[in-house]
PDB file of N, CA and C in Angstrom:
ATOM      1  N   UNK A   1     -24.947  31.228  41.592  1.00  0.00           N
ATOM      2  CA  UNK A   1     -24.439  31.541  40.264  1.00  0.00           C
ATOM      3  C   UNK A   1     -23.311  30.581  39.872  1.00  0.00           C
ATOM      4  N   UNK A   2     -22.410  30.277  40.797  1.00  0.00           N
ATOM      5  CA  UNK A   2     -21.307  29.379  40.505  1.00  0.00           C
ATOM      6  C   UNK A   2     -21.798  27.956  40.269  1.00  0.00           C
ATOM      7  N   UNK A   3     -22.848  27.555  40.986  1.00  0.00           N
ATOM      8  CA  UNK A   3     -23.361  26.194  40.802  1.00  0.00           C
ATOM      9  C   UNK A   3     -23.991  26.045  39.419  1.00  0.00           C
ATOM     10  N   UNK A   4     -24.658  27.084  38.927  1.00  0.00           N
ATOM     11  CA  UNK A   4     -25.234  27.035  37.590  1.00  0.00           C
ATOM     12  C   UNK A   4     -24.133  26.935  36.532  1.00  0.00           C
ATOM     13  N   UNK A   5     -23.093  27.701  36.716  1.00  0.00           N
ATOM     14  CA  UNK A   5     -21.975  27.670  35.773  1.00  0.00           C
ATOM     15  C   UNK A   5     -21.326  26.292  35.768  1.00  0.00           C
ATOM     16  N   UNK A   6     -21.191  25.715  36.941  1.00  0.00           N
ATOM     17  CA  UNK A   6     -20.594  24.389  37.062  1.00  0.00           C
ATOM     18  C   UNK A   6     -21.467  23.340  36.381  1.00  0.00           C
ATOM     19  N   UNK A   7     -22.780  23.448  36.550  1.00  0.00           N
ATOM     20  CA  UNK A   7     -23.712  22.511  35.921  1.00  0.00           C
ATOM     21  C   UNK A   7     -23.660  22.650  34.400  1.00  0.00           C
ATOM     22  N   UNK A   8     -23.656  23.890  33.903  1.00  0.00           N
ATOM     23  CA  UNK A   8     -23.611  24.123  32.453  1.00  0.00           C
ATOM     24  C   UNK A   8     -22.309  23.611  31.843  1.00  0.00           C
ATOM     25  N   UNK A   9     -21.191  23.875  32.497  1.00  0.00           N
ATOM     26  CA  UNK A   9     -19.912  23.414  31.945  1.00  0.00           C
ATOM     27  C   UNK A   9     -19.842  21.889  31.946  1.00  0.00           C
ATOM     28  N   UNK A  10     -20.385  21.256  32.970  1.00  0.00           N
ATOM     29  CA  UNK A  10     -20.389  19.790  33.028  1.00  0.00           C
ATOM     30  C   UNK A  10     -21.270  19.227  31.912  1.00  0.00           C
ATOM     31  N   UNK A  11     -22.441  19.842  31.691  1.00  0.00           N
ATOM     32  CA  UNK A  11     -23.349  19.389  30.641  1.00  0.00           C
ATOM     33  C   UNK A  11     -22.721  19.564  29.260  1.00  0.00           C
ATOM     34  N   UNK A  12     -22.068  20.679  29.033  1.00  0.00           N
ATOM     35  CA  UNK A  12     -21.413  20.931  27.747  1.00  0.00           C
ATOM     36  C   UNK A  12     -20.292  19.932  27.517  1.00  0.00           C
ATOM     37  N   UNK A  13     -19.545  19.635  28.559  1.00  0.00           N
ATOM     38  CA  UNK A  13     -18.447  18.673  28.449  1.00  0.00           C
ATOM     39  C   UNK A  13     -18.993  17.296  28.081  1.00  0.00           C
ATOM     40  N   UNK A  14     -20.067  16.878  28.731  1.00  0.00           N
ATOM     41  CA  UNK A  14     -20.655  15.565  28.444  1.00  0.00           C
ATOM     42  C   UNK A  14     -21.186  15.516  27.018  1.00  0.00           C
ATOM     43  N   UNK A  15     -21.869  16.576  26.587  1.00  0.00           N
ATOM     44  CA  UNK A  15     -22.393  16.615  25.214  1.00  0.00           C
ATOM     45  C   UNK A  15     -21.269  16.561  24.186  1.00  0.00           C
ATOM     46  N   UNK A  16     -20.191  17.276  24.442  1.00  0.00           N
ATOM     47  CA  UNK A  16     -19.062  17.280  23.508  1.00  0.00           C
ATOM     48  C   UNK A  16     -18.416  15.898  23.435  1.00  0.00           C
ATOM     49  N   UNK A  17     -18.232  15.259  24.577  1.00  0.00           N
ATOM     50  CA  UNK A  17     -17.627  13.923  24.589  1.00  0.00           C
ATOM     51  C   UNK A  17     -18.508  12.908  23.865  1.00  0.00           C
ATOM     52  N   UNK A  18     -19.812  12.964  24.085  1.00  0.00           N
ATOM     53  CA  UNK A  18     -20.739  12.042  23.404  1.00  0.00           C
ATOM     54  C   UNK A  18     -20.713  12.277  21.899  1.00  0.00           C
ATOM     55  N   UNK A  19     -20.717  13.537  21.505  1.00  0.00           N
ATOM     56  CA  UNK A  19     -20.711  13.874  20.085  1.00  0.00           C
ATOM     57  C   UNK A  19     -19.419  13.408  19.425  1.00  0.00           C
ATOM     58  N   UNK A  20     -18.303  13.644  20.073  1.00  0.00           N
ATOM     59  CA  UNK A  20     -17.017  13.245  19.501  1.00  0.00           C
ATOM     60  C   UNK A  20     -16.886  11.739  19.406  1.00  0.00           C
ATOM     61  N   UNK A  21     -17.336  11.019  20.429  1.00  0.00           N
ATOM     62  CA  UNK A  21     -17.229   9.564  20.377  1.00  0.00           C
ATOM     63  C   UNK A  21     -18.156   8.992  19.310  1.00  0.00           C
ATOM     64  N   UNK A  22     -19.332   9.568  19.142  1.00  0.00           N
ATOM     65  CA  UNK A  22     -20.258   9.112  18.100  1.00  0.00           C
ATOM     66  C   UNK A  22     -19.662   9.373  16.723  1.00  0.00           C
ATOM     67  N   UNK A  23     -19.110  10.556  16.515  1.00  0.00           N
ATOM     68  CA  UNK A  23     -18.532  10.896  15.222  1.00  0.00           C
ATOM     69  C   UNK A  23     -17.305  10.039  14.919  1.00  0.00           C
ATOM     70  N   UNK A  24     -16.506   9.772  15.927  1.00  0.00           N
ATOM     71  CA  UNK A  24     -15.302   8.976  15.715  1.00  0.00           C
ATOM     72  C   UNK A  24     -15.651   7.534  15.371  1.00  0.00           C
ATOM     73  N   UNK A  25     -16.736   7.028  15.907  1.00  0.00           N
ATOM     74  CA  UNK A  25     -17.117   5.644  15.657  1.00  0.00           C
ATOM     75  C   UNK A  25     -17.957   5.480  14.397  1.00  0.00           C
ATOM     76  N   UNK A  26     -18.499   6.547  13.858  1.00  0.00           N
ATOM     77  CA  UNK A  26     -19.409   6.393  12.724  1.00  0.00           C
ATOM     78  C   UNK A  26     -18.812   6.837  11.395  1.00  0.00           C
ATOM     79  N   UNK A  27     -17.788   7.628  11.409  1.00  0.00           N
ATOM     80  CA  UNK A  27     -17.215   8.090  10.154  1.00  0.00           C
ATOM     81  C   UNK A  27     -15.803   7.559   9.993  1.00  0.00           C
ATOM     82  N   UNK A  28     -15.498   7.146   8.795  1.00  0.00           N
ATOM     83  CA  UNK A  28     -14.146   6.685   8.508  1.00  0.00           C
ATOM     84  C   UNK A  28     -13.688   7.311   7.206  1.00  0.00           C
ATOM     85  N   UNK A  29     -12.430   7.512   7.129  1.00  0.00           N
ATOM     86  CA  UNK A  29     -11.828   8.029   5.908  1.00  0.00           C
ATOM     87  C   UNK A  29     -10.552   7.231   5.697  1.00  0.00           C
ATOM     88  N   UNK A  30     -10.512   6.524   4.590  1.00  0.00           N
ATOM     89  CA  UNK A  30      -9.354   5.682   4.377  1.00  0.00           C
ATOM     90  C   UNK A  30      -9.000   5.687   2.898  1.00  0.00           C
ATOM     91  N   UNK A  31      -7.744   5.739   2.615  1.00  0.00           N
ATOM     92  CA  UNK A  31      -7.278   5.661   1.235  1.00  0.00           C
ATOM     93  C   UNK A  31      -6.270   4.522   1.146  1.00  0.00           C
ATOM     94  N   UNK A  32      -6.428   3.701   0.137  1.00  0.00           N
ATOM     95  CA  UNK A  32      -5.533   2.565  -0.051  1.00  0.00           C
ATOM     96  C   UNK A  32      -4.860   2.716  -1.408  1.00  0.00           C
ATOM     97  N   UNK A  33      -3.574   2.598  -1.399  1.00  0.00           N
ATOM     98  CA  UNK A  33      -2.815   2.687  -2.638  1.00  0.00           C
ATOM     99  C   UNK A  33      -1.996   1.415  -2.789  1.00  0.00           C
ATOM    100  N   UNK A  34      -2.238   0.686  -3.853  1.00  0.00           N
ATOM    101  CA  UNK A  34      -1.464  -0.518  -4.126  1.00  0.00           C
ATOM    102  C   UNK A  34      -0.849  -0.361  -5.505  1.00  0.00           C
ATOM    103  N   UNK A  35       0.441  -0.114  -5.555  1.00  0.00           N
ATOM    104  CA  UNK A  35       1.071   0.119  -6.856  1.00  0.00           C
ATOM    105  C   UNK A  35       1.101  -1.161  -7.704  1.00  0.00           C
ATOM    106  N   UNK A  36       1.146  -0.981  -8.991  1.00  0.00           N
ATOM    107  CA  UNK A  36       1.226  -2.094  -9.919  1.00  0.00           C
ATOM    108  C   UNK A  36       2.627  -2.694  -9.831  1.00  0.00           C
ATOM    109  N   UNK A  37       2.675  -4.020  -9.692  1.00  0.00           N
ATOM    110  CA  UNK A  37       3.972  -4.706  -9.598  1.00  0.00           C
ATOM    111  C   UNK A  37       4.629  -4.765 -10.972  1.00  0.00           C
ATOM    112  N   UNK A  38       5.931  -4.573 -11.032  1.00  0.00           N
ATOM    113  CA  UNK A  38       6.628  -4.661 -12.320  1.00  0.00           C
ATOM    114  C   UNK A  38       6.553  -6.078 -12.901  1.00  0.00           C
ATOM    115  N   UNK A  39       6.542  -6.166 -14.216  1.00  0.00           N
ATOM    116  CA  UNK A  39       6.453  -7.465 -14.891  1.00  0.00           C
ATOM    117  C   UNK A  39       7.650  -8.350 -14.565  1.00  0.00           C
ATOM    118  N   UNK A  40       8.793  -7.766 -14.255  1.00  0.00           N
ATOM    119  CA  UNK A  40       9.992  -8.558 -13.968  1.00  0.00           C
ATOM    120  C   UNK A  40       9.875  -9.340 -12.655  1.00  0.00           C
ATOM    121  N   UNK A  41       8.907  -8.994 -11.797  1.00  0.00           N
ATOM    122  CA  UNK A  41       8.724  -9.723 -10.546  1.00  0.00           C
ATOM    123  C   UNK A  41       7.916 -11.001 -10.718  1.00  0.00           C
ATOM    124  N   UNK A  42       7.279 -11.176 -11.867  1.00  0.00           N
ATOM    125  CA  UNK A  42       6.470 -12.374 -12.082  1.00  0.00           C
ATOM    126  C   UNK A  42       7.302 -13.649 -12.045  1.00  0.00           C
ATOM    127  N   UNK A  43       8.559 -13.574 -12.368  1.00  0.00           N
ATOM    128  CA  UNK A  43       9.393 -14.775 -12.364  1.00  0.00           C
ATOM    129  C   UNK A  43       9.612 -15.313 -10.953  1.00  0.00           C
ATOM    130  N   UNK A  44       9.369 -14.510  -9.923  1.00  0.00           N
ATOM    131  CA  UNK A  44       9.514 -14.943  -8.534  1.00  0.00           C
ATOM    132  C   UNK A  44       8.221 -15.517  -7.952  1.00  0.00           C
ATOM    133  N   UNK A  45       7.140 -15.424  -8.682  1.00  0.00           N
ATOM    134  CA  UNK A  45       5.848 -15.884  -8.199  1.00  0.00           C
ATOM    135  C   UNK A  45       5.717 -17.399  -8.312  1.00  0.00           C
ATOM    136  N   UNK A  46       5.095 -18.003  -7.293  1.00  0.00           N
ATOM    137  CA  UNK A  46       4.846 -19.455  -7.332  1.00  0.00           C
ATOM    138  C   UNK A  46       3.562 -19.756  -8.104  1.00  0.00           C
ATOM    139  N   UNK A  47       2.751 -18.753  -8.333  1.00  0.00           N
ATOM    140  CA  UNK A  47       1.499 -18.914  -9.062  1.00  0.00           C
ATOM    141  C   UNK A  47       1.721 -18.549 -10.510  1.00  0.00           C
ATOM    142  N   UNK A  48       1.205 -19.363 -11.436  1.00  0.00           N
ATOM    143  CA  UNK A  48       1.398 -19.117 -12.848  1.00  0.00           C
ATOM    144  C   UNK A  48       0.403 -18.062 -13.315  1.00  0.00           C
ATOM    145  N   UNK A  49       0.897 -16.878 -13.639  1.00  0.00           N
ATOM    146  CA  UNK A  49       0.061 -15.768 -14.148  1.00  0.00           C
ATOM    147  C   UNK A  49       0.308 -15.615 -15.635  1.00  0.00           C
ATOM    148  N   UNK A  50      -0.778 -15.575 -16.397  1.00  0.00           N
ATOM    149  CA  UNK A  50      -0.628 -15.379 -17.842  1.00  0.00           C
ATOM    150  C   UNK A  50      -0.887 -13.954 -18.232  1.00  0.00           C
TER     151      UNK A  50
END
């Protein structure tokens, strides 16, 4: 009985680890926020922006 329990817990652990690693590598969630630069900063730019 104990050997069966040990086998089941080991199998569940392996399945959980595989599932978590697959999910972690396949799904991403990212948000990027880039605020608008104030017009007064254009005077510091080396590139001519019209």
